[in-house]
Each structure stands twice: as C-alpha cells, then as structure tokens.
PDB file of N, CA and C in Angstrom:
ATOM      1  N   MET A   1     104.445 134.274 111.888  1.00  0.00           N
ATOM      2  CA  MET A   1     105.290 133.172 111.474  1.00  0.00           C
ATOM      3  C   MET A   1     106.306 133.695 110.479  1.00  0.00           C
ATOM      4  N   THR A   2     107.556 133.481 110.741  1.00  0.00           N
ATOM      5  CA  THR A   2     108.626 133.934 109.859  1.00  0.00           C
ATOM      6  C   THR A   2     108.809 132.982 108.691  1.00  0.00           C
ATOM      7  N   ALA A   3     109.582 133.444 107.717  1.00  0.00           N
ATOM      8  CA  ALA A   3     109.822 132.608 106.531  1.00  0.00           C
ATOM      9  C   ALA A   3     110.591 131.345 106.898  1.00  0.00           C
ATOM     10  N   GLU A   4     111.490 131.446 107.877  1.00  0.00           N
ATOM     11  CA  GLU A   4     112.269 130.270 108.283  1.00  0.00           C
ATOM     12  C   GLU A   4     111.365 129.219 108.970  1.00  0.00           C
ATOM     13  N   GLN A   5     110.471 129.676 109.815  1.00  0.00           N
ATOM     14  CA  GLN A   5     109.542 128.744 110.477  1.00  0.00           C
ATOM     15  C   GLN A   5     108.618 128.101 109.472  1.00  0.00           C
ATOM     16  N   LEU A   6     108.165 128.886 108.507  1.00  0.00           N
ATOM     17  CA  LEU A   6     107.316 128.333 107.453  1.00  0.00           C
ATOM     18  C   LEU A   6     108.078 127.305 106.629  1.00  0.00           C
ATOM     19  N   PHE A   7     109.341 127.572 106.378  1.00  0.00           N
ATOM     20  CA  PHE A   7     110.179 126.650 105.625  1.00  0.00           C
ATOM     21  C   PHE A   7     110.300 125.308 106.351  1.00  0.00           C
ATOM     22  N   TYR A   8     110.585 125.357 107.657  1.00  0.00           N
ATOM     23  CA  TYR A   8     110.726 124.114 108.426  1.00  0.00           C
ATOM     24  C   TYR A   8     109.397 123.370 108.524  1.00  0.00           C
ATOM     25  N   ALA A   9     108.303 124.077 108.654  1.00  0.00           N
ATOM     26  CA  ALA A   9     106.996 123.425 108.715  1.00  0.00           C
ATOM     27  C   ALA A   9     106.674 122.728 107.409  1.00  0.00           C
ATOM     28  N   VAL A  10     106.936 123.385 106.296  1.00  0.00           N
ATOM     29  CA  VAL A  10     106.671 122.755 105.009  1.00  0.00           C
ATOM     30  C   VAL A  10     107.605 121.580 104.763  1.00  0.00           C
ATOM     31  N   CYS A  11     108.846 121.667 105.193  1.00  0.00           N
ATOM     32  CA  CYS A  11     109.773 120.546 105.067  1.00  0.00           C
ATOM     33  C   CYS A  11     109.307 119.356 105.885  1.00  0.00           C
ATOM     34  N   ALA A  12     108.793 119.597 107.082  1.00  0.00           N
ATOM     35  CA  ALA A  12     108.309 118.488 107.914  1.00  0.00           C
ATOM     36  C   ALA A  12     107.098 117.816 107.268  1.00  0.00           C
ATOM     37  N   VAL A  13     106.178 118.603 106.757  1.00  0.00           N
ATOM     38  CA  VAL A  13     105.005 118.040 106.084  1.00  0.00           C
ATOM     39  C   VAL A  13     105.437 117.262 104.838  1.00  0.00           C
ATOM     40  N   THR A  14     106.356 117.815 104.088  1.00  0.00           N
ATOM     41  CA  THR A  14     106.847 117.126 102.897  1.00  0.00           C
ATOM     42  C   THR A  14     107.555 115.816 103.254  1.00  0.00           C
ATOM     43  N   ALA A  15     108.300 115.790 104.346  1.00  0.00           N
ATOM     44  CA  ALA A  15     108.988 114.568 104.764  1.00  0.00           C
ATOM     45  C   ALA A  15     107.972 113.467 105.090  1.00  0.00           C
ATOM     46  N   VAL A  16     106.911 113.831 105.777  1.00  0.00           N
ATOM     47  CA  VAL A  16     105.860 112.843 106.074  1.00  0.00           C
ATOM     48  C   VAL A  16     105.205 112.337 104.805  1.00  0.00           C
ATOM     49  N   ILE A  17     104.923 113.247 103.889  1.00  0.00           N
ATOM     50  CA  ILE A  17     104.306 112.857 102.623  1.00  0.00           C
ATOM     51  C   ILE A  17     105.225 111.920 101.844  1.00  0.00           C
ATOM     52  N   MET A  18     106.524 112.243 101.794  1.00  0.00           N
ATOM     53  CA  MET A  18     107.473 111.400 101.063  1.00  0.00           C
ATOM     54  C   MET A  18     107.595 110.030 101.728  1.00  0.00           C
ATOM     55  N   PHE A  19     107.592 109.973 103.055  1.00  0.00           N
ATOM     56  CA  PHE A  19     107.654 108.695 103.756  1.00  0.00           C
ATOM     57  C   PHE A  19     106.456 107.834 103.430  1.00  0.00           C
ATOM     58  N   ILE A  20     105.276 108.419 103.468  1.00  0.00           N
ATOM     59  CA  ILE A  20     104.053 107.671 103.130  1.00  0.00           C
ATOM     60  C   ILE A  20     104.099 107.222 101.668  1.00  0.00           C
ATOM     61  N   TYR A  21     104.568 108.084 100.822  1.00  0.00           N
ATOM     62  CA  TYR A  21     104.669 107.742  99.411  1.00  0.00           C
ATOM     63  C   TYR A  21     105.576 106.527  99.170  1.00  0.00           C
ATOM     64  N   TYR A  22     106.748 106.532  99.798  1.00  0.00           N
ATOM     65  CA  TYR A  22     107.691 105.414  99.621  1.00  0.00           C
ATOM     66  C   TYR A  22     107.177 104.113 100.237  1.00  0.00           C
ATOM     67  N   ILE A  23     106.444 104.220 101.347  1.00  0.00           N
ATOM     68  CA  ILE A  23     105.880 103.011 101.980  1.00  0.00           C
ATOM     69  C   ILE A  23     104.822 102.359 101.121  1.00  0.00           C
ATOM     70  N   ARG A  24     104.058 103.149 100.419  1.00  0.00           N
ATOM     71  CA  ARG A  24     102.960 102.597  99.601  1.00  0.00           C
ATOM     72  C   ARG A  24     103.385 102.076  98.241  1.00  0.00           C
ATOM     73  N   ARG A  25     104.586 102.321  97.826  1.00  0.00           N
ATOM     74  CA  ARG A  25     105.067 101.873  96.523  1.00  0.00           C
ATOM     75  C   ARG A  25     105.376 100.373  96.553  1.00  0.00           C
ATOM     76  N   LYS A  26     105.238  99.732  95.408  1.00  0.00           N
ATOM     77  CA  LYS A  26     105.571  98.312  95.316  1.00  0.00           C
ATOM     78  C   LYS A  26     107.083  98.131  95.387  1.00  0.00           C
ATOM     79  N   LYS A  27     107.794  98.921  94.644  1.00  0.00           N
ATOM     80  CA  LYS A  27     109.268  98.826  94.620  1.00  0.00           C
ATOM     81  C   LYS A  27     109.809  99.951  95.473  1.00  0.00           C
ATOM     82  N   ARG A  28     109.810  99.719  96.773  1.00  0.00           N
ATOM     83  CA  ARG A  28     110.201 100.771  97.721  1.00  0.00           C
ATOM     84  C   ARG A  28     111.645 101.205  97.571  1.00  0.00           C
ATOM     85  N   ILE A  29     112.529 100.263  97.412  1.00  0.00           N
ATOM     86  CA  ILE A  29     113.966 100.577  97.335  1.00  0.00           C
ATOM     87  C   ILE A  29     114.274 101.396  96.067  1.00  0.00           C
ATOM     88  N   ILE A  30     113.740 100.967  94.948  1.00  0.00           N
ATOM     89  CA  ILE A  30     113.991 101.665  93.678  1.00  0.00           C
ATOM     90  C   ILE A  30     113.376 103.069  93.735  1.00  0.00           C
ATOM     91  N   SER A  31     112.193 103.193  94.284  1.00  0.00           N
ATOM     92  CA  SER A  31     111.544 104.510  94.402  1.00  0.00           C
ATOM     93  C   SER A  31     112.340 105.432  95.313  1.00  0.00           C
ATOM     94  N   ALA A  32     112.794 104.909  96.425  1.00  0.00           N
ATOM     95  CA  ALA A  32     113.598 105.718  97.347  1.00  0.00           C
ATOM     96  C   ALA A  32     114.911 106.119  96.706  1.00  0.00           C
ATOM     97  N   PHE A  33     115.559 105.196  96.022  1.00  0.00           N
ATOM     98  CA  PHE A  33     116.826 105.506  95.345  1.00  0.00           C
ATOM     99  C   PHE A  33     116.632 106.594  94.291  1.00  0.00           C
ATOM    100  N   PHE A  34     115.531 106.492  93.522  1.00  0.00           N
ATOM    101  CA  PHE A  34     115.264 107.496  92.498  1.00  0.00           C
ATOM    102  C   PHE A  34     114.998 108.864  93.143  1.00  0.00           C
ATOM    103  N   GLY A  35     114.294 108.882  94.265  1.00  0.00           N
ATOM    104  CA  GLY A  35     114.049 110.133  94.981  1.00  0.00           C
ATOM    105  C   GLY A  35     115.323 110.755  95.513  1.00  0.00           C
ATOM    106  N   VAL A  36     116.195 109.936  96.065  1.00  0.00           N
ATOM    107  CA  VAL A  36     117.482 110.410  96.579  1.00  0.00           C
ATOM    108  C   VAL A  36     118.325 110.946  95.431  1.00  0.00           C
ATOM    109  N   PHE A  37     118.415 110.208  94.358  1.00  0.00           N
ATOM    110  CA  PHE A  37     119.248 110.612  93.234  1.00  0.00           C
ATOM    111  C   PHE A  37     118.720 111.889  92.585  1.00  0.00           C
ATOM    112  N   SER A  38     117.408 111.968  92.369  1.00  0.00           N
ATOM    113  CA  SER A  38     116.839 113.149  91.710  1.00  0.00           C
ATOM    114  C   SER A  38     116.981 114.398  92.576  1.00  0.00           C
ATOM    115  N   GLY A  39     116.803 114.255  93.879  1.00  0.00           N
ATOM    116  CA  GLY A  39     116.968 115.415  94.761  1.00  0.00           C
ATOM    117  C   GLY A  39     118.399 115.903  94.797  1.00  0.00           C
ATOM    118  N   PHE A  40     119.337 114.988  94.872  1.00  0.00           N
ATOM    119  CA  PHE A  40     120.750 115.374  94.889  1.00  0.00           C
ATOM    120  C   PHE A  40     121.173 115.985  93.538  1.00  0.00           C
ATOM    121  N   ALA A  41     120.669 115.427  92.456  1.00  0.00           N
ATOM    122  CA  ALA A  41     120.972 115.966  91.136  1.00  0.00           C
ATOM    123  C   ALA A  41     120.407 117.371  90.969  1.00  0.00           C
ATOM    124  N   ALA A  42     119.187 117.587  91.487  1.00  0.00           N
ATOM    125  CA  ALA A  42     118.596 118.923  91.419  1.00  0.00           C
ATOM    126  C   ALA A  42     119.424 119.930  92.228  1.00  0.00           C
ATOM    127  N   LEU A  43     119.897 119.520  93.389  1.00  0.00           N
ATOM    128  CA  LEU A  43     120.731 120.387  94.208  1.00  0.00           C
ATOM    129  C   LEU A  43     122.030 120.731  93.488  1.00  0.00           C
ATOM    130  N   LEU A  44     122.648 119.763  92.854  1.00  0.00           N
ATOM    131  CA  LEU A  44     123.887 120.011  92.122  1.00  0.00           C
ATOM    132  C   LEU A  44     123.649 120.945  90.931  1.00  0.00           C
ATOM    133  N   LEU A  45     122.518 120.733  90.225  1.00  0.00           N
ATOM    134  CA  LEU A  45     122.211 121.610  89.106  1.00  0.00           C
ATOM    135  C   LEU A  45     121.978 123.041  89.526  1.00  0.00           C
ATOM    136  N   VAL A  46     121.249 123.225  90.628  1.00  0.00           N
ATOM    137  CA  VAL A  46     121.000 124.572  91.114  1.00  0.00           C
ATOM    138  C   VAL A  46     122.288 125.189  91.641  1.00  0.00           C
ATOM    139  N   ASN A  47     123.145 124.395  92.235  1.00  0.00           N
ATOM    140  CA  ASN A  47     124.427 124.915  92.702  1.00  0.00           C
ATOM    141  C   ASN A  47     125.288 125.367  91.544  1.00  0.00           C
ATOM    142  N   TYR A  48     125.280 124.594  90.477  1.00  0.00           N
ATOM    143  CA  TYR A  48     126.139 124.905  89.335  1.00  0.00           C
ATOM    144  C   TYR A  48     125.561 125.992  88.443  1.00  0.00           C
ATOM    145  N   PHE A  49     124.235 125.927  88.172  1.00  0.00           N
ATOM    146  CA  PHE A  49     123.578 126.860  87.256  1.00  0.00           C
ATOM    147  C   PHE A  49     122.714 127.893  87.971  1.00  0.00           C
ATOM    148  N   GLY A  50     122.866 128.052  89.271  1.00  0.00           N
ATOM    149  CA  GLY A  50     122.000 128.930  90.046  1.00  0.00           C
ATOM    150  C   GLY A  50     122.152 130.386  89.704  1.00  0.00           C
ATOM    151  N   PHE A  51     123.284 130.784  89.185  1.00  0.00           N
ATOM    152  CA  PHE A  51     123.463 132.201  88.882  1.00  0.00           C
ATOM    153  C   PHE A  51     122.552 132.652  87.751  1.00  0.00           C
ATOM    154  N   TYR A  52     122.043 131.743  86.938  1.00  0.00           N
ATOM    155  CA  TYR A  52     121.083 132.099  85.874  1.00  0.00           C
ATOM    156  C   TYR A  52     119.734 132.556  86.472  1.00  0.00           C
ATOM    157  N   ILE A  53     119.336 131.972  87.601  1.00  0.00           N
ATOM    158  CA  ILE A  53     118.086 132.381  88.238  1.00  0.00           C
ATOM    159  C   ILE A  53     118.351 133.250  89.456  1.00  0.00           C
ATOM    160  N   ASP A  54     119.577 133.719  89.572  1.00  0.00           N
ATOM    161  CA  ASP A  54     120.004 134.656  90.596  1.00  0.00           C
ATOM    162  C   ASP A  54     119.910 134.086  92.002  1.00  0.00           C
ATOM    163  N   THR A  55     120.184 132.814  92.137  1.00  0.00           N
ATOM    164  CA  THR A  55     120.274 132.185  93.466  1.00  0.00           C
ATOM    165  C   THR A  55     121.314 131.046  93.395  1.00  0.00           C
ATOM    166  N   GLU A  56     122.076 130.912  94.451  1.00  0.00           N
ATOM    167  CA  GLU A  56     123.030 129.827  94.505  1.00  0.00           C
ATOM    168  C   GLU A  56     122.861 129.109  95.857  1.00  0.00           C
ATOM    169  N   LEU A  57     122.842 127.797  95.805  1.00  0.00           N
ATOM    170  CA  LEU A  57     122.689 126.989  96.998  1.00  0.00           C
ATOM    171  C   LEU A  57     124.027 126.367  97.345  1.00  0.00           C
ATOM    172  N   PRO A  58     124.496 126.612  98.543  1.00  0.00           N
ATOM    173  CA  PRO A  58     125.781 125.996  98.937  1.00  0.00           C
ATOM    174  C   PRO A  58     125.611 124.504  99.199  1.00  0.00           C
ATOM    175  N   LEU A  59     126.650 123.767  98.978  1.00  0.00           N
ATOM    176  CA  LEU A  59     126.614 122.331  99.251  1.00  0.00           C
ATOM    177  C   LEU A  59     127.077 122.110 100.696  1.00  0.00           C
ATOM    178  N   ASN A  60     126.170 122.279 101.626  1.00  0.00           N
ATOM    179  CA  ASN A  60     126.468 122.029 103.038  1.00  0.00           C
ATOM    180  C   ASN A  60     125.680 120.803 103.477  1.00  0.00           C
ATOM    181  N   LEU A  61     125.906 120.370 104.695  1.00  0.00           N
ATOM    182  CA  LEU A  61     125.298 119.158 105.206  1.00  0.00           C
ATOM    183  C   LEU A  61     123.766 119.233 105.222  1.00  0.00           C
ATOM    184  N   PHE A  62     123.222 120.375 105.625  1.00  0.00           N
ATOM    185  CA  PHE A  62     121.777 120.538 105.684  1.00  0.00           C
ATOM    186  C   PHE A  62     121.157 120.400 104.302  1.00  0.00           C
ATOM    187  N   ASN A  63     121.693 121.075 103.311  1.00  0.00           N
ATOM    188  CA  ASN A  63     121.124 121.006 101.969  1.00  0.00           C
ATOM    189  C   ASN A  63     121.278 119.628 101.338  1.00  0.00           C
ATOM    190  N   ILE A  64     122.400 118.983 101.555  1.00  0.00           N
ATOM    191  CA  ILE A  64     122.603 117.665 100.976  1.00  0.00           C
ATOM    192  C   ILE A  64     121.668 116.651 101.615  1.00  0.00           C
ATOM    193  N   CYS A  65     121.557 116.641 102.947  1.00  0.00           N
ATOM    194  CA  CYS A  65     120.660 115.697 103.619  1.00  0.00           C
ATOM    195  C   CYS A  65     119.195 115.978 103.267  1.00  0.00           C
ATOM    196  N   GLY A  66     118.834 117.231 103.248  1.00  0.00           N
ATOM    197  CA  GLY A  66     117.464 117.594 102.926  1.00  0.00           C
ATOM    198  C   GLY A  66     117.081 117.200 101.515  1.00  0.00           C
ATOM    199  N   SER A  67     117.979 117.442 100.563  1.00  0.00           N
ATOM    200  CA  SER A  67     117.656 117.082  99.178  1.00  0.00           C
ATOM    201  C   SER A  67     117.636 115.575  98.963  1.00  0.00           C
ATOM    202  N   MET A  68     118.443 114.850  99.747  1.00  0.00           N
ATOM    203  CA  MET A  68     118.439 113.404  99.590  1.00  0.00           C
ATOM    204  C   MET A  68     117.223 112.754 100.275  1.00  0.00           C
ATOM    205  N   ILE A  69     116.723 113.351 101.316  1.00  0.00           N
ATOM    206  CA  ILE A  69     115.556 112.788 102.002  1.00  0.00           C
ATOM    207  C   ILE A  69     114.273 113.220 101.320  1.00  0.00           C
ATOM    208  N   LEU A  70     114.164 114.507 101.033  1.00  0.00           N
ATOM    209  CA  LEU A  70     112.913 115.055 100.528  1.00  0.00           C
ATOM    210  C   LEU A  70     112.865 115.161  99.003  1.00  0.00           C
ATOM    211  N   GLY A  71     114.011 115.159  98.374  1.00  0.00           N
ATOM    212  CA  GLY A  71     114.051 115.188  96.917  1.00  0.00           C
ATOM    213  C   GLY A  71     113.908 116.579  96.343  1.00  0.00           C
ATOM    214  N   ILE A  72     113.322 116.629  95.167  1.00  0.00           N
ATOM    215  CA  ILE A  72     113.194 117.871  94.427  1.00  0.00           C
ATOM    216  C   ILE A  72     112.322 118.913  95.146  1.00  0.00           C
ATOM    217  N   PRO A  73     111.252 118.530  95.871  1.00  0.00           N
ATOM    218  CA  PRO A  73     110.482 119.564  96.580  1.00  0.00           C
ATOM    219  C   PRO A  73     111.329 120.347  97.564  1.00  0.00           C
ATOM    220  N   PHE A  74     112.286 119.730  98.209  1.00  0.00           N
ATOM    221  CA  PHE A  74     113.179 120.425  99.142  1.00  0.00           C
ATOM    222  C   PHE A  74     113.990 121.491  98.407  1.00  0.00           C
ATOM    223  N   VAL A  75     114.553 121.124  97.287  1.00  0.00           N
ATOM    224  CA  VAL A  75     115.352 122.063  96.527  1.00  0.00           C
ATOM    225  C   VAL A  75     114.489 123.233  96.051  1.00  0.00           C
ATOM    226  N   ALA A  76     113.277 122.926  95.615  1.00  0.00           N
ATOM    227  CA  ALA A  76     112.364 124.008  95.177  1.00  0.00           C
ATOM    228  C   ALA A  76     112.027 124.942  96.328  1.00  0.00           C
ATOM    229  N   LEU A  77     111.808 124.392  97.518  1.00  0.00           N
ATOM    230  CA  LEU A  77     111.489 125.232  98.680  1.00  0.00           C
ATOM    231  C   LEU A  77     112.673 126.093  99.088  1.00  0.00           C
ATOM    232  N   ILE A  78     113.866 125.572  98.985  1.00  0.00           N
ATOM    233  CA  ILE A  78     115.040 126.398  99.310  1.00  0.00           C
ATOM    234  C   ILE A  78     115.186 127.536  98.320  1.00  0.00           C
ATOM    235  N   ILE A  79     114.920 127.289  97.066  1.00  0.00           N
ATOM    236  CA  ILE A  79     115.015 128.342  96.062  1.00  0.00           C
ATOM    237  C   ILE A  79     113.965 129.429  96.370  1.00  0.00           C
ATOM    238  N   ILE A  80     112.746 129.009  96.710  1.00  0.00           N
ATOM    239  CA  ILE A  80     111.694 129.975  97.019  1.00  0.00           C
ATOM    240  C   ILE A  80     112.059 130.805  98.222  1.00  0.00           C
ATOM    241  N   VAL A  81     112.589 130.175  99.256  1.00  0.00           N
ATOM    242  CA  VAL A  81     112.985 130.911 100.462  1.00  0.00           C
ATOM    243  C   VAL A  81     114.115 131.881 100.153  1.00  0.00           C
ATOM    244  N   ASN A  82     115.068 131.485  99.308  1.00  0.00           N
ATOM    245  CA  ASN A  82     116.155 132.391  98.951  1.00  0.00           C
ATOM    246  C   ASN A  82     115.653 133.584  98.140  1.00  0.00           C
ATOM    247  N   ILE A  83     114.629 133.385  97.335  1.00  0.00           N
ATOM    248  CA  ILE A  83     114.093 134.487  96.538  1.00  0.00           C
ATOM    249  C   ILE A  83     113.326 135.443  97.428  1.00  0.00           C
ATOM    250  N   LEU A  84     112.627 134.900  98.444  1.00  0.00           N
ATOM    251  CA  LEU A  84     111.885 135.783  99.365  1.00  0.00           C
ATOM    252  C   LEU A  84     112.872 136.609 100.149  1.00  0.00           C
TER     253      LEU A  84
END
C-alpha cells in the first residue's frame, strides 16, 4: 500500500466519522459550520506559515474541499503525507 492509497483510505474513514459526528450532535448546523470554518482556517494558516515547519500546502480545489468537509484532521493528514 502506497502513501497515497493510505492517505485516501484514512480520508474516507475520517469522512464517515465526521458525518456520524455531525448527525449525532444536537446543533448540527452550528457544529458543521464550526468544522468547515476551523478546517479552512487551518488550511490557510498552514499555507501562510507552512515554511516554518518546512511544508507548504497549495490552495487548490482538492485541499479546500477536503479541509472544509473533513476539517482539521484532513489538514493534519496532508502535512503528514508531505513530510513522508
């Protein structure tokens, strides 16, 4: 299993976990909005300050959609894959 396949597998599992998490919350809309906002903010921070940890994430469609759907775990996984 390559690093890319492992990345997609972990993203799929994380997406299912996040979906279940948002469904079980009382305030689904607010929780989902907070997840979207925090994921996008994390992506922007890593894009802007990524040179300090020696990785930079481009703002492309895949990264933006992934960070908005999966949140901070997606951004963390991208950083780990870039370091590997």
